[in-house]
Amino acid sequence: MNVHANIASAATADPAESVCATTETGLCASLPHDLPIFLVGMMGAGKTTIGRGLARALGREFIDLDHELEARCGVRVPIIFEIEGEDGFRKREAAALEDCSSRRGIVLATGGGAILAEENRRMLRERGVVLYLRASLDELFRRTSRDRNRPLLSNPDPRGTLHDLMIKRAPLYEEAADLVIDTGTMPVSHLVKSILPLLQAYEKTL
């Protein structure tokens, strides 16, 4: 069963109970395990920026699955889509996820469509703690409207596409998630500070 968290209210948690130190470089916290932390959610939900912040705070390695794919293929994600189509991209994505999700002590930001395959959702659930970063359609559109590295949104109606993708994918994110985080418009540093005690309090046995 996943846990829903409204960050606006979670931010009132006492940081002294969960954060080991606060310095000029940011927060420092620890978890009682080395299970990987997986971030899922729509494109524009903040998986990469929040993931980097969590990794810094936890002293963990951060991996962005799309960037990992680009490093393996030597080209950007839109080029992979153009050459191999979405099916080809998803196969490469699944292979990269298989490798990366087996690493302990990391924070991994997945691609927005990584949860489409049932096997991918199973891997995420069985190998680590899954955070679903949820945002409104308006917020997602605002964040992605000027991003040219989103091949699925390269069409005359990107907002309509986002809406359709949300309808299709939201139940799958929910299915995979241990924690559901409503991100809203809070600054990334505040979000990270609020998520840390939720991670520390969450217990999962694999």
Protein backbone atom coordinates (compact mmCIF):
# COMPACT_ATOMS: atom_id res chain seq x y z
CA MET A 1 0.00 0.00 0.00
CA ASN A 2 1.42 3.39 -0.94
CA VAL A 3 1.44 6.46 1.27
CA HIS A 4 0.21 9.83 0.01
CA ALA A 5 1.95 12.94 1.22
CA ASN A 6 0.97 16.55 0.72
CA ILE A 7 4.31 18.32 0.91
CA ALA A 8 2.76 21.58 2.07
CA SER A 9 1.78 19.88 5.33
CA ALA A 10 4.79 17.57 5.50
CA ALA A 11 7.06 20.60 5.53
CA THR A 12 6.07 21.27 9.12
CA ALA A 13 7.96 18.20 10.34
CA ASP A 14 10.75 18.99 12.76
CA PRO A 15 14.02 18.78 10.75
CA ALA A 16 15.97 18.15 13.93
CA GLU A 17 14.33 14.74 14.15
CA SER A 18 15.41 13.63 10.69
CA VAL A 19 18.27 15.73 9.35
CA CYS A 20 21.72 15.05 10.73
CA ALA A 21 23.14 18.47 9.82
CA THR A 22 22.41 21.62 7.90
CA THR A 23 25.32 23.36 6.19
CA GLU A 24 25.86 26.05 3.57
CA THR A 25 25.88 23.31 0.93
CA GLY A 26 22.48 22.01 2.00
CA LEU A 27 20.96 19.23 4.05
CA CYS A 28 22.65 16.09 5.28
CA ALA A 29 20.52 13.11 6.23
CA SER A 30 20.80 9.35 6.52
CA LEU A 31 18.47 6.41 6.00
CA PRO A 32 18.44 3.18 8.03
CA HIS A 33 19.07 1.15 4.86
CA ASP A 34 20.89 1.28 1.54
CA LEU A 35 17.88 0.44 -0.61
CA PRO A 36 17.87 2.44 -3.85
CA ILE A 37 15.41 5.33 -4.06
CA PHE A 38 13.48 5.38 -7.34
CA LEU A 39 11.64 8.48 -8.59
CA VAL A 40 8.74 8.02 -11.00
CA GLY A 41 6.29 10.49 -12.48
CA MET A 42 5.36 12.45 -15.56
CA MET A 43 7.85 14.40 -17.62
CA GLY A 44 8.27 17.76 -15.91
CA ALA A 45 7.38 16.40 -12.46
CA GLY A 46 10.85 17.27 -11.15
CA LYS A 47 12.41 13.80 -10.96
CA THR A 48 15.88 14.95 -12.03
CA THR A 49 16.10 18.15 -9.97
CA ILE A 50 14.54 16.67 -6.85
CA GLY A 51 16.51 13.46 -7.33
CA ARG A 52 19.79 15.38 -7.41
CA GLY A 53 18.80 17.23 -4.24
CA LEU A 54 17.90 14.02 -2.42
CA ALA A 55 21.14 12.37 -3.53
CA ARG A 56 23.20 15.29 -2.23
CA ALA A 57 21.35 15.29 1.08
CA LEU A 58 21.74 11.53 1.51
CA GLY A 59 25.32 11.35 0.28
CA ARG A 60 24.29 8.99 -2.50
CA GLU A 61 25.10 8.63 -6.18
CA PHE A 62 22.46 10.12 -8.48
CA ILE A 63 21.54 8.47 -11.78
CA ASP A 64 19.19 9.87 -14.39
CA LEU A 65 17.96 6.97 -16.53
CA ASP A 66 17.57 9.09 -19.67
CA HIS A 67 21.11 10.42 -19.29
CA GLU A 68 22.34 6.87 -18.74
CA LEU A 69 20.67 5.84 -22.00
CA GLU A 70 22.22 8.77 -23.84
CA ALA A 71 25.66 7.85 -22.52
CA ARG A 72 25.21 4.25 -23.67
CA CYS A 73 23.90 5.18 -27.12
CA GLY A 74 26.01 8.25 -27.73
CA VAL A 75 23.01 10.34 -28.87
CA ARG A 76 20.19 12.30 -27.26
CA VAL A 77 16.83 10.72 -26.43
CA PRO A 78 14.97 12.40 -29.37
CA ILE A 79 17.48 10.84 -31.79
CA ILE A 80 16.91 7.38 -30.29
CA PHE A 81 13.17 7.90 -30.78
CA GLU A 82 13.70 9.11 -34.34
CA ILE A 83 15.91 6.17 -35.35
CA GLU A 84 14.34 3.30 -33.40
CA GLY A 85 10.85 4.53 -32.57
CA GLU A 86 9.27 4.38 -29.14
CA ASP A 87 9.34 0.56 -29.05
CA GLY A 88 13.08 0.52 -29.65
CA PHE A 89 13.61 3.21 -27.04
CA ARG A 90 11.54 1.30 -24.44
CA LYS A 91 13.62 -1.85 -24.97
CA ARG A 92 16.83 0.09 -24.34
CA GLU A 93 15.21 1.81 -21.37
CA ALA A 94 14.22 -1.54 -19.82
CA ALA A 95 17.76 -2.90 -20.22
CA ALA A 96 19.25 0.20 -18.56
CA LEU A 97 16.68 0.02 -15.76
CA GLU A 98 17.52 -3.64 -15.15
CA ASP A 99 21.18 -2.70 -14.64
CA CYS A 100 20.73 0.52 -12.67
CA SER A 101 17.94 -0.65 -10.36
CA SER A 102 20.13 -3.44 -9.00
CA ARG A 103 22.59 -0.94 -7.49
CA ARG A 104 22.33 -0.24 -3.78
CA GLY A 105 22.65 3.19 -2.21
CA ILE A 106 21.60 5.25 -5.22
CA VAL A 107 18.87 7.74 -6.14
CA LEU A 108 17.51 6.93 -9.61
CA ALA A 109 15.28 9.24 -11.66
CA THR A 110 13.38 7.15 -14.20
CA GLY A 111 11.93 8.35 -17.48
CA GLY A 112 8.26 9.25 -17.53
CA GLY A 113 7.34 6.12 -19.49
CA ALA A 114 9.54 3.64 -17.67
CA ILE A 115 6.54 2.34 -15.73
CA LEU A 116 4.61 1.36 -18.86
CA ALA A 117 6.10 -2.14 -18.85
CA GLU A 118 4.76 -4.40 -16.10
CA GLU A 119 8.21 -5.94 -15.65
CA ASN A 120 9.70 -2.50 -15.02
CA ARG A 121 7.09 -1.76 -12.36
CA ARG A 122 7.80 -5.09 -10.71
CA MET A 123 11.55 -4.40 -10.67
CA LEU A 124 11.05 -1.01 -9.07
CA ARG A 125 8.68 -2.33 -6.39
CA GLU A 126 10.89 -5.31 -5.54
CA ARG A 127 14.26 -3.57 -5.51
CA GLY A 128 13.82 -0.27 -3.72
CA VAL A 129 11.63 2.54 -2.39
CA VAL A 130 9.52 4.16 -5.11
CA LEU A 131 8.52 7.83 -4.90
CA TYR A 132 5.82 9.04 -7.27
CA LEU A 133 6.24 12.79 -7.83
CA ARG A 134 2.83 14.11 -8.80
CA ALA A 135 2.06 17.52 -10.30
CA SER A 136 -0.96 19.14 -11.94
CA LEU A 137 -1.41 19.27 -15.70
CA ASP A 138 -0.97 23.07 -15.69
CA GLU A 139 2.30 22.79 -13.77
CA LEU A 140 3.62 20.01 -16.01
CA PHE A 141 2.79 22.01 -19.13
CA ARG A 142 4.46 25.12 -17.73
CA ARG A 143 7.65 23.17 -17.00
CA THR A 144 7.82 21.34 -20.33
CA SER A 145 6.47 23.93 -22.78
CA ARG A 146 9.92 25.21 -23.78
CA ASP A 147 11.79 21.91 -23.54
CA ARG A 148 12.75 20.62 -26.99
CA ASN A 149 14.11 17.35 -25.60
CA ARG A 150 10.62 15.80 -25.20
CA PRO A 151 9.90 13.77 -28.36
CA LEU A 152 6.41 12.74 -27.25
CA LEU A 153 5.44 16.43 -27.00
CA SER A 154 6.73 17.38 -30.46
CA ASN A 155 3.28 17.85 -31.94
CA PRO A 156 0.70 20.65 -32.45
CA ASP A 157 -1.07 19.93 -29.13
CA PRO A 158 1.52 19.17 -26.43
CA ARG A 159 -0.89 20.07 -23.61
CA GLY A 160 -3.47 17.63 -24.93
CA THR A 161 -0.77 14.99 -25.22
CA LEU A 162 0.28 15.58 -21.62
CA HIS A 163 -3.33 15.20 -20.53
CA ASP A 164 -3.71 11.90 -22.40
CA LEU A 165 -0.43 10.59 -21.00
CA MET A 166 -1.49 11.52 -17.46
CA ILE A 167 -4.76 9.61 -17.83
CA LYS A 168 -2.91 6.53 -19.06
CA ARG A 169 0.05 6.62 -16.72
CA ALA A 170 -1.27 7.91 -13.39
CA PRO A 171 -2.69 4.51 -12.32
CA LEU A 172 0.63 2.86 -13.19
CA TYR A 173 2.62 5.35 -11.12
CA GLU A 174 0.22 4.72 -8.25
CA GLU A 175 0.63 0.96 -8.64
CA ALA A 176 4.42 1.17 -8.44
CA ALA A 177 4.66 3.79 -5.69
CA ASP A 178 5.47 3.39 -2.03
CA LEU A 179 5.17 7.13 -1.41
CA VAL A 180 3.12 9.63 -3.43
CA ILE A 181 4.42 13.19 -3.25
CA ASP A 182 2.33 16.15 -4.42
CA THR A 183 5.01 18.61 -5.43
CA GLY A 184 2.98 21.74 -6.13
CA THR A 185 5.07 24.87 -6.71
CA MET A 186 7.33 24.64 -3.67
CA PRO A 187 11.07 25.33 -4.30
CA VAL A 188 13.18 22.22 -4.82
CA SER A 189 15.22 22.76 -1.65
CA HIS A 190 12.03 22.87 0.45
CA LEU A 191 10.67 19.78 -1.28
CA VAL A 192 13.84 17.85 -0.56
CA LYS A 193 13.79 18.94 3.07
CA SER A 194 10.19 17.78 3.34
CA ILE A 195 10.71 14.42 1.61
CA LEU A 196 13.65 13.35 3.78
CA PRO A 197 11.65 12.64 6.96
CA LEU A 198 9.06 10.75 4.91
CA LEU A 199 11.81 8.49 3.57
CA GLN A 200 13.30 8.03 7.03
CA ALA A 201 9.94 7.07 8.51
CA TYR A 202 8.97 4.68 5.73
CA GLU A 203 9.73 1.01 6.39
CA LYS A 204 10.05 -1.51 3.57
CA THR A 205 11.33 -5.05 3.74
CA LEU A 206 12.52 -6.71 0.54
